[in-house]
Amino acid sequence: MPILVLALKSIKQYNVDDNTLDVVYGVLKENPEEETWQEDIARAPRWIRKLLSKQRIKSNEMSRWIDASDADRQQSAYIIANEKNISVGAVEKETGGLLPF
């Protein structure tokens, strides 16, 4: 993760866009580095800590979603759709088509 922090520092906060966030998400997903997370994140500037923490949460949530059974995902989709007052199809689109239907 230190390399990721250095990369974000060089990009600068005001230049971080959706593509950058996608890359950060991918790096965190592929290299979670659980054993050094606390130490690494403590050394990062506040804006990077906040960004990395959000992307890590997103990565963890997506992992749980992918690992869930089809029935659990379908039930979750209906709950989310009901809470957000949107269609299940909209939830499917929002989750990248990971729903089992």
Protein backbone atom coordinates (compact mmCIF):
# COMPACT_ATOMS: atom_id res chain seq x y z
CA MET A 1 0.00 0.00 0.00
CA PRO A 2 2.85 2.50 0.44
CA ILE A 3 3.21 2.61 -3.35
CA LEU A 4 -0.50 3.34 -3.69
CA VAL A 5 -0.17 6.20 -1.20
CA LEU A 6 2.81 7.61 -3.12
CA ALA A 7 0.89 7.36 -6.38
CA LEU A 8 -2.10 9.21 -4.92
CA LYS A 9 0.18 11.90 -3.48
CA SER A 10 1.71 12.45 -6.90
CA ILE A 11 -1.71 12.61 -8.59
CA LYS A 12 -2.94 15.15 -5.99
CA GLN A 13 -6.37 15.16 -4.43
CA TYR A 14 -7.95 17.53 -6.95
CA ASN A 15 -6.95 15.23 -9.85
CA VAL A 16 -8.58 12.08 -8.44
CA ASP A 17 -11.44 11.07 -10.72
CA ASP A 18 -13.66 8.02 -11.22
CA ASN A 19 -10.96 6.23 -13.22
CA THR A 20 -8.49 6.75 -10.38
CA LEU A 21 -11.02 5.41 -7.87
CA ASP A 22 -11.57 2.34 -10.06
CA VAL A 23 -7.83 1.67 -10.09
CA VAL A 24 -7.58 2.16 -6.31
CA TYR A 25 -10.52 -0.21 -5.82
CA GLY A 26 -8.84 -2.82 -8.03
CA VAL A 27 -5.52 -2.54 -6.24
CA LEU A 28 -7.14 -2.88 -2.82
CA LYS A 29 -9.22 -5.81 -4.00
CA GLU A 30 -6.21 -7.67 -5.39
CA ASN A 31 -3.82 -6.71 -2.57
CA PRO A 32 -5.79 -6.29 0.65
CA GLU A 33 -2.66 -6.31 2.86
CA GLU A 34 -4.75 -6.89 6.00
CA GLU A 35 -1.71 -7.42 8.23
CA THR A 36 -0.19 -3.98 7.53
CA TRP A 37 -3.36 -1.94 6.88
CA GLN A 38 -3.43 -0.04 10.20
CA GLU A 39 0.24 0.84 10.08
CA ASP A 40 0.16 1.89 6.43
CA ILE A 41 -3.02 3.93 6.66
CA ALA A 42 -1.76 5.80 9.75
CA ARG A 43 1.13 7.23 7.71
CA ALA A 44 -1.03 8.50 4.85
CA PRO A 45 -2.37 12.06 4.62
CA ARG A 46 -5.96 12.47 5.82
CA TRP A 47 -7.48 12.79 2.35
CA ILE A 48 -5.77 9.56 1.26
CA ARG A 49 -6.83 7.74 4.46
CA LYS A 50 -10.42 8.75 3.79
CA LEU A 51 -10.28 7.73 0.11
CA LEU A 52 -8.58 4.39 0.81
CA SER A 53 -10.96 3.57 3.65
CA LYS A 54 -14.00 4.19 1.44
CA GLN A 55 -12.56 2.07 -1.36
CA ARG A 56 -11.63 -0.70 1.09
CA ILE A 57 -15.18 -0.78 2.44
CA LYS A 58 -16.49 -0.94 -1.11
CA SER A 59 -14.11 -3.79 -1.90
CA ASN A 60 -15.12 -5.73 1.22
CA GLU A 61 -18.83 -5.23 0.53
CA MET A 62 -18.43 -6.39 -3.05
CA SER A 63 -16.51 -9.48 -1.91
CA ARG A 64 -19.28 -10.41 0.49
CA TRP A 65 -21.85 -9.84 -2.27
CA ILE A 66 -19.97 -12.08 -4.72
CA ASP A 67 -19.49 -14.80 -2.10
CA ALA A 68 -23.18 -14.77 -1.14
CA SER A 69 -25.54 -17.44 -2.41
CA ASP A 70 -27.91 -16.63 -5.28
CA ALA A 71 -30.87 -16.68 -2.88
CA ASP A 72 -29.13 -14.25 -0.51
CA ARG A 73 -28.24 -11.89 -3.35
CA GLN A 74 -31.75 -11.99 -4.72
CA GLN A 75 -33.24 -11.32 -1.29
CA SER A 76 -30.77 -8.47 -0.77
CA ALA A 77 -31.69 -6.99 -4.14
CA TYR A 78 -35.38 -6.95 -3.24
CA ILE A 79 -34.63 -5.34 0.13
CA ILE A 80 -32.40 -2.68 -1.47
CA ALA A 81 -34.98 -1.99 -4.18
CA ASN A 82 -37.70 -1.60 -1.57
CA GLU A 83 -35.59 0.67 0.66
CA LYS A 84 -34.51 2.89 -2.23
CA ASN A 85 -37.92 2.74 -3.92
CA ILE A 86 -36.34 1.59 -7.18
CA SER A 87 -36.78 -1.45 -9.37
CA VAL A 88 -34.84 -4.66 -8.85
CA GLY A 89 -33.49 -4.10 -12.37
CA ALA A 90 -31.99 -0.81 -11.21
CA VAL A 91 -30.32 -2.63 -8.31
CA GLU A 92 -28.97 -5.20 -10.77
CA LYS A 93 -27.52 -2.42 -12.92
CA GLU A 94 -26.03 -0.71 -9.87
CA THR A 95 -24.34 -3.96 -8.77
CA GLY A 96 -22.85 -4.69 -12.15
CA GLY A 97 -25.20 -7.53 -13.06
CA LEU A 98 -24.19 -9.72 -10.13
CA LEU A 99 -27.77 -10.68 -9.38
CA PRO A 100 -28.82 -14.26 -10.12
CA PHE A 101 -31.61 -13.44 -12.58
